[in-house]
Structure formats: structure tokens, C-alpha cells
Amino acid sequence: MEEFIKVETLIDHTREYINTRIDETRLKAAEKASGVIALLIARAVVNLVFLFSLFFASVAGAYGLGIWLGKMWLGFLLVAGAYFLAGCIVWAARERLLQIPVMNAIIHQLFKNDDPDEED
């Protein structure tokens, strides 16, 4: 009878251990996912602020070029041409400039070491 109680206790402890490990895994996955989402949202906000600044600086630059050249449309055309050229360069190098750094940042966030005793 005592052996049956020991086996039953062992089964209960094993079940508790497995449930605890499952809960721990879920919590770690939720922590990693929330970290990635927080990183993406923070970068999106910073990019939005940067884009607004760039937009207003571009309008001011185009307006200034237009006054300097004597033809407002030419100033705006030159600024648009500069952005088109920059866009073509970014498109040509999109994997090296955009895809790889974004993937590396997400992978680093997902697999960063949480133990302060160990190095990244």
C-alpha cells in the first residue's frame, strides 16, 4: 500500500513539474513576443517623428530652392528628384540596408540572454 502511495505521489509531482514547465515556457514566449512588439512600436514612433521632420525640412528646402532659382516649381522638382534618386539607391540595396538589419534586430530581441551572469 505504501508503494502505491509513493508511485501516486511521484505521478502527482511529475504532473506538477510538467505543468510548471509548460507555464514557464508560455511566460517566456509571451515575454519575448511583447519585447519584439515593444521594439517595433518604439521604432515606428521614432520613424514617424523622423518622417515628419524630414517632410517639413523638405518643404522648406524646396521652397528655398524655388526662391533662389526664381521658379518655385523647379525647387520642388529638384527635391522630388533627389528623393527619387535616394529611393532608387535604397531599393537597389534593400536587402543589405533594410531586411538583414531588421531580421537581426528581431532575432537578437527573441534570443537575447536574460541571465545577467552570462554574456550576450
N, C-alpha and C. Protein backbone atom coordinates (compact mmCIF):
# COMPACT_ATOMS: atom_id res chain seq x y z
N MET A 1 0.82 -1.19 0.00
CA MET A 1 0.00 0.00 0.00
C MET A 1 0.86 1.26 0.00
N GLU A 2 1.94 1.17 0.76
CA GLU A 2 2.83 2.31 0.84
C GLU A 2 3.50 2.59 -0.51
N GLU A 3 3.81 1.55 -1.27
CA GLU A 3 4.42 1.71 -2.59
C GLU A 3 3.45 2.39 -3.55
N PHE A 4 2.17 2.06 -3.43
CA PHE A 4 1.15 2.67 -4.28
C PHE A 4 1.06 4.18 -4.00
N ILE A 5 1.14 4.54 -2.73
CA ILE A 5 1.10 5.97 -2.36
C ILE A 5 2.34 6.68 -2.89
N LYS A 6 3.51 6.04 -2.83
CA LYS A 6 4.73 6.65 -3.34
C LYS A 6 4.66 6.84 -4.85
N VAL A 7 4.13 5.87 -5.55
CA VAL A 7 4.01 5.97 -7.01
C VAL A 7 3.00 7.07 -7.35
N GLU A 8 1.90 7.10 -6.62
CA GLU A 8 0.89 8.13 -6.86
C GLU A 8 1.46 9.51 -6.57
N THR A 9 2.24 9.65 -5.50
CA THR A 9 2.87 10.91 -5.18
C THR A 9 3.87 11.31 -6.26
N LEU A 10 4.63 10.33 -6.73
CA LEU A 10 5.58 10.59 -7.80
C LEU A 10 4.86 11.06 -9.07
N ILE A 11 3.77 10.44 -9.40
CA ILE A 11 2.99 10.84 -10.58
C ILE A 11 2.45 12.25 -10.40
N ASP A 12 1.96 12.58 -9.21
CA ASP A 12 1.46 13.93 -8.94
C ASP A 12 2.57 14.98 -9.06
N HIS A 13 3.73 14.67 -8.51
CA HIS A 13 4.87 15.60 -8.60
C HIS A 13 5.32 15.77 -10.04
N THR A 14 5.33 14.69 -10.78
CA THR A 14 5.72 14.75 -12.19
C THR A 14 4.73 15.61 -12.97
N ARG A 15 3.45 15.40 -12.72
CA ARG A 15 2.41 16.19 -13.39
C ARG A 15 2.56 17.67 -13.04
N GLU A 16 2.81 17.99 -11.78
CA GLU A 16 3.03 19.38 -11.36
C GLU A 16 4.25 19.97 -12.04
N TYR A 17 5.32 19.17 -12.11
CA TYR A 17 6.55 19.65 -12.75
C TYR A 17 6.31 19.96 -14.22
N ILE A 18 5.62 19.08 -14.91
CA ILE A 18 5.34 19.29 -16.33
C ILE A 18 4.46 20.53 -16.53
N ASN A 19 3.44 20.68 -15.70
CA ASN A 19 2.58 21.87 -15.80
C ASN A 19 3.35 23.16 -15.51
N THR A 20 4.24 23.10 -14.54
CA THR A 20 5.06 24.26 -14.22
C THR A 20 5.98 24.62 -15.39
N ARG A 21 6.59 23.61 -16.01
CA ARG A 21 7.46 23.86 -17.17
C ARG A 21 6.67 24.44 -18.34
N ILE A 22 5.46 23.95 -18.55
CA ILE A 22 4.61 24.49 -19.63
C ILE A 22 4.27 25.95 -19.35
N ASP A 23 3.90 26.25 -18.12
CA ASP A 23 3.59 27.64 -17.75
C ASP A 23 4.81 28.55 -17.92
N GLU A 24 5.98 28.04 -17.52
CA GLU A 24 7.20 28.82 -17.65
C GLU A 24 7.51 29.10 -19.13
N THR A 25 7.31 28.10 -19.98
CA THR A 25 7.55 28.27 -21.41
C THR A 25 6.58 29.29 -22.00
N ARG A 26 5.34 29.22 -21.60
CA ARG A 26 4.35 30.20 -22.07
C ARG A 26 4.72 31.61 -21.65
N LEU A 27 5.14 31.77 -20.41
CA LEU A 27 5.52 33.09 -19.92
C LEU A 27 6.74 33.63 -20.66
N LYS A 28 7.71 32.76 -20.91
CA LYS A 28 8.90 33.20 -21.65
C LYS A 28 8.53 33.60 -23.07
N ALA A 29 7.66 32.84 -23.71
CA ALA A 29 7.23 33.16 -25.08
C ALA A 29 6.48 34.50 -25.10
N ALA A 30 5.62 34.71 -24.11
CA ALA A 30 4.88 35.97 -24.03
C ALA A 30 5.83 37.14 -23.79
N GLU A 31 6.83 36.94 -22.96
CA GLU A 31 7.81 37.99 -22.68
C GLU A 31 8.60 38.33 -23.94
N LYS A 32 9.03 37.32 -24.67
CA LYS A 32 9.79 37.55 -25.90
C LYS A 32 8.92 38.26 -26.94
N ALA A 33 7.69 37.80 -27.10
CA ALA A 33 6.79 38.42 -28.09
C ALA A 33 6.50 39.87 -27.73
N SER A 34 6.25 40.14 -26.45
CA SER A 34 5.98 41.51 -26.04
C SER A 34 7.21 42.40 -26.21
N GLY A 35 8.39 41.83 -26.02
CA GLY A 35 9.62 42.59 -26.25
C GLY A 35 9.78 42.97 -27.71
N VAL A 36 9.50 42.03 -28.60
CA VAL A 36 9.60 42.30 -30.04
C VAL A 36 8.56 43.34 -30.45
N ILE A 37 7.34 43.21 -29.97
CA ILE A 37 6.28 44.16 -30.31
C ILE A 37 6.62 45.55 -29.77
N ALA A 38 7.13 45.62 -28.55
CA ALA A 38 7.52 46.92 -27.98
C ALA A 38 8.64 47.55 -28.79
N LEU A 39 9.61 46.74 -29.22
CA LEU A 39 10.70 47.26 -30.05
C LEU A 39 10.17 47.80 -31.37
N LEU A 40 9.27 47.07 -32.01
CA LEU A 40 8.72 47.51 -33.29
C LEU A 40 7.89 48.78 -33.14
N ILE A 41 7.11 48.88 -32.07
CA ILE A 41 6.30 50.09 -31.84
C ILE A 41 7.20 51.29 -31.56
N ALA A 42 8.23 51.09 -30.74
CA ALA A 42 9.14 52.20 -30.43
C ALA A 42 9.84 52.69 -31.69
N ARG A 43 10.29 51.76 -32.52
CA ARG A 43 10.95 52.17 -33.76
C ARG A 43 9.97 52.86 -34.71
N ALA A 44 8.72 52.40 -34.73
CA ALA A 44 7.72 53.03 -35.60
C ALA A 44 7.46 54.46 -35.16
N VAL A 45 7.38 54.70 -33.87
CA VAL A 45 7.14 56.06 -33.36
C VAL A 45 8.33 56.97 -33.70
N VAL A 46 9.54 56.47 -33.49
CA VAL A 46 10.73 57.26 -33.81
C VAL A 46 10.77 57.55 -35.31
N ASN A 47 10.46 56.56 -36.13
CA ASN A 47 10.44 56.76 -37.58
C ASN A 47 9.38 57.78 -38.00
N LEU A 48 8.23 57.75 -37.35
CA LEU A 48 7.18 58.70 -37.67
C LEU A 48 7.61 60.14 -37.36
N VAL A 49 8.22 60.33 -36.21
CA VAL A 49 8.72 61.66 -35.85
C VAL A 49 9.79 62.10 -36.85
N PHE A 50 10.69 61.19 -37.21
CA PHE A 50 11.72 61.50 -38.18
C PHE A 50 11.11 61.87 -39.53
N LEU A 51 10.08 61.13 -39.96
CA LEU A 51 9.45 61.42 -41.25
C LEU A 51 8.77 62.78 -41.26
N PHE A 52 8.11 63.14 -40.16
CA PHE A 52 7.50 64.48 -40.09
C PHE A 52 8.58 65.56 -40.18
N SER A 53 9.68 65.39 -39.48
CA SER A 53 10.77 66.36 -39.54
C SER A 53 11.33 66.44 -40.95
N LEU A 54 11.53 65.30 -41.58
CA LEU A 54 12.05 65.27 -42.94
C LEU A 54 11.08 65.93 -43.92
N PHE A 55 9.79 65.70 -43.73
CA PHE A 55 8.80 66.31 -44.61
C PHE A 55 8.85 67.83 -44.54
N PHE A 56 8.85 68.38 -43.33
CA PHE A 56 8.85 69.83 -43.20
C PHE A 56 10.18 70.43 -43.65
N ALA A 57 11.28 69.73 -43.41
CA ALA A 57 12.58 70.21 -43.89
C ALA A 57 12.61 70.18 -45.42
N SER A 58 11.99 69.18 -46.02
CA SER A 58 11.94 69.08 -47.48
C SER A 58 11.12 70.20 -48.09
N VAL A 59 9.99 70.50 -47.50
CA VAL A 59 9.16 71.60 -47.99
C VAL A 59 9.91 72.92 -47.87
N ALA A 60 10.58 73.11 -46.74
CA ALA A 60 11.35 74.34 -46.56
C ALA A 60 12.50 74.42 -47.56
N GLY A 61 13.18 73.30 -47.77
CA GLY A 61 14.28 73.28 -48.73
C GLY A 61 13.79 73.53 -50.15
N ALA A 62 12.68 72.90 -50.52
CA ALA A 62 12.13 73.10 -51.86
C ALA A 62 11.68 74.55 -52.04
N TYR A 63 11.08 75.10 -51.04
CA TYR A 63 10.64 76.50 -51.12
C TYR A 63 11.85 77.42 -51.25
N GLY A 64 12.90 77.15 -50.45
CA GLY A 64 14.12 77.96 -50.53
C GLY A 64 14.79 77.84 -51.89
N LEU A 65 14.87 76.63 -52.42
CA LEU A 65 15.43 76.44 -53.76
C LEU A 65 14.61 77.17 -54.82
N GLY A 66 13.29 77.11 -54.65
CA GLY A 66 12.41 77.79 -55.60
C GLY A 66 12.63 79.28 -55.61
N ILE A 67 12.79 79.87 -54.43
CA ILE A 67 13.06 81.31 -54.35
C ILE A 67 14.42 81.63 -54.94
N TRP A 68 15.41 80.81 -54.63
CA TRP A 68 16.77 81.05 -55.11
C TRP A 68 16.86 80.92 -56.63
N LEU A 69 16.14 79.92 -57.19
CA LEU A 69 16.17 79.71 -58.64
C LEU A 69 15.19 80.60 -59.39
N GLY A 70 14.27 81.21 -58.68
CA GLY A 70 13.30 82.09 -59.31
C GLY A 70 12.07 81.36 -59.84
N LYS A 71 12.05 80.06 -59.74
CA LYS A 71 10.90 79.27 -60.20
C LYS A 71 10.57 78.26 -59.10
N MET A 72 9.42 78.48 -58.47
CA MET A 72 9.04 77.64 -57.34
C MET A 72 8.93 76.16 -57.74
N TRP A 73 8.36 75.89 -58.88
CA TRP A 73 8.16 74.51 -59.31
C TRP A 73 9.49 73.78 -59.49
N LEU A 74 10.54 74.50 -59.88
CA LEU A 74 11.84 73.88 -60.09
C LEU A 74 12.46 73.44 -58.76
N GLY A 75 12.26 74.24 -57.73
CA GLY A 75 12.74 73.85 -56.40
C GLY A 75 12.10 72.56 -55.92
N PHE A 76 10.78 72.47 -56.08
CA PHE A 76 10.08 71.26 -55.66
C PHE A 76 10.46 70.07 -56.54
N LEU A 77 10.67 70.32 -57.83
CA LEU A 77 11.08 69.25 -58.74
C LEU A 77 12.46 68.72 -58.38
N LEU A 78 13.38 69.59 -58.03
CA LEU A 78 14.72 69.15 -57.64
C LEU A 78 14.70 68.32 -56.35
N VAL A 79 13.91 68.74 -55.38
CA VAL A 79 13.80 67.98 -54.13
C VAL A 79 13.15 66.62 -54.41
N ALA A 80 12.12 66.60 -55.24
CA ALA A 80 11.48 65.32 -55.60
C ALA A 80 12.46 64.42 -56.34
N GLY A 81 13.28 64.99 -57.22
CA GLY A 81 14.29 64.20 -57.94
C GLY A 81 15.32 63.62 -57.00
N ALA A 82 15.73 64.40 -55.99
CA ALA A 82 16.69 63.90 -55.00
C ALA A 82 16.09 62.72 -54.22
N TYR A 83 14.81 62.84 -53.84
CA TYR A 83 14.16 61.73 -53.14
C TYR A 83 13.99 60.51 -54.04
N PHE A 84 13.70 60.74 -55.31
CA PHE A 84 13.58 59.62 -56.24
C PHE A 84 14.92 58.90 -56.38
N LEU A 85 16.00 59.63 -56.48
CA LEU A 85 17.33 59.03 -56.57
C LEU A 85 17.67 58.26 -55.29
N ALA A 86 17.39 58.86 -54.15
CA ALA A 86 17.64 58.17 -52.88
C ALA A 86 16.78 56.91 -52.77
N GLY A 87 15.53 56.98 -53.23
CA GLY A 87 14.66 55.81 -53.21
C GLY A 87 15.18 54.70 -54.10
N CYS A 88 15.71 55.04 -55.27
CA CYS A 88 16.28 54.02 -56.16
C CYS A 88 17.50 53.35 -55.53
N ILE A 89 18.33 54.14 -54.85
CA ILE A 89 19.51 53.58 -54.19
C ILE A 89 19.09 52.64 -53.06
N VAL A 90 18.12 53.06 -52.25
CA VAL A 90 17.65 52.21 -51.15
C VAL A 90 17.00 50.95 -51.70
N TRP A 91 16.24 51.06 -52.77
CA TRP A 91 15.59 49.88 -53.37
C TRP A 91 16.63 48.88 -53.87
N ALA A 92 17.70 49.40 -54.48
CA ALA A 92 18.74 48.52 -55.01
C ALA A 92 19.48 47.79 -53.89
N ALA A 93 19.63 48.43 -52.75
CA ALA A 93 20.36 47.84 -51.63
C ALA A 93 19.43 47.48 -50.48
N ARG A 94 18.16 47.20 -50.77
CA ARG A 94 17.16 46.98 -49.71
C ARG A 94 17.49 45.79 -48.82
N GLU A 95 18.06 44.72 -49.38
CA GLU A 95 18.36 43.56 -48.54
C GLU A 95 19.43 43.90 -47.52
N ARG A 96 20.50 44.54 -47.97
CA ARG A 96 21.60 44.87 -47.08
C ARG A 96 21.25 45.99 -46.11
N LEU A 97 20.46 46.97 -46.58
CA LEU A 97 20.14 48.13 -45.75
C LEU A 97 18.93 47.94 -44.85
N LEU A 98 17.96 47.12 -45.29
CA LEU A 98 16.70 47.02 -44.55
C LEU A 98 16.42 45.61 -44.01
N GLN A 99 16.37 44.63 -44.89
CA GLN A 99 15.92 43.30 -44.49
C GLN A 99 16.83 42.66 -43.46
N ILE A 100 18.12 42.64 -43.71
CA ILE A 100 19.05 41.97 -42.80
C ILE A 100 19.10 42.65 -41.43
N PRO A 101 19.22 44.00 -41.36
CA PRO A 101 19.22 44.62 -40.02
C PRO A 101 17.91 44.41 -39.24
N VAL A 102 16.78 44.44 -39.93
CA VAL A 102 15.50 44.22 -39.24
C VAL A 102 15.43 42.77 -38.72
N MET A 103 15.80 41.82 -39.55
CA MET A 103 15.79 40.42 -39.12
C MET A 103 16.75 40.21 -37.95
N ASN A 104 17.94 40.81 -38.03
CA ASN A 104 18.90 40.66 -36.94
C ASN A 104 18.39 41.28 -35.64
N ALA A 105 17.73 42.42 -35.73
CA ALA A 105 17.19 43.05 -34.52
C ALA A 105 16.10 42.19 -33.88
N ILE A 106 15.23 41.61 -34.70
CA ILE A 106 14.17 40.76 -34.17
C ILE A 106 14.76 39.49 -33.57
N ILE A 107 15.71 38.87 -34.27
CA ILE A 107 16.34 37.65 -33.75
C ILE A 107 17.09 37.95 -32.45
N HIS A 108 17.80 39.08 -32.41
CA HIS A 108 18.51 39.45 -31.18
C HIS A 108 17.54 39.65 -30.02
N GLN A 109 16.40 40.29 -30.31
CA GLN A 109 15.41 40.51 -29.26
C GLN A 109 14.81 39.19 -28.78
N LEU A 110 14.57 38.27 -29.69
CA LEU A 110 13.98 36.99 -29.32
C LEU A 110 14.94 36.11 -28.53
N PHE A 111 16.22 36.15 -28.88
CA PHE A 111 17.16 35.21 -28.29
C PHE A 111 18.19 35.88 -27.39
N LYS A 112 17.90 37.10 -26.97
CA LYS A 112 18.85 37.75 -26.07
C LYS A 112 18.89 36.99 -24.75
N ASN A 113 20.05 37.02 -24.14
CA ASN A 113 20.27 36.27 -22.91
C ASN A 113 19.73 37.07 -21.73
N ASP A 114 18.81 36.49 -20.98
CA ASP A 114 18.20 37.20 -19.85
C ASP A 114 18.98 37.04 -18.55
N ASP A 115 19.94 36.11 -18.52
CA ASP A 115 20.73 35.86 -17.32
C ASP A 115 21.84 36.90 -17.23
N PRO A 116 21.86 37.73 -16.17
CA PRO A 116 22.89 38.78 -16.08
C PRO A 116 24.30 38.22 -15.87
N ASP A 117 24.42 36.96 -15.42
CA ASP A 117 25.74 36.37 -15.19
C ASP A 117 26.41 35.97 -16.49
N GLU A 118 25.62 35.71 -17.54
CA GLU A 118 26.16 35.28 -18.82
C GLU A 118 26.17 36.45 -19.78
N GLU A 119 27.11 36.43 -20.72
CA GLU A 119 27.22 37.49 -21.70
C GLU A 119 26.30 37.23 -22.87
N ASP A 120 25.93 38.34 -23.61
CA ASP A 120 25.11 38.21 -24.82
C ASP A 120 25.87 37.50 -25.89
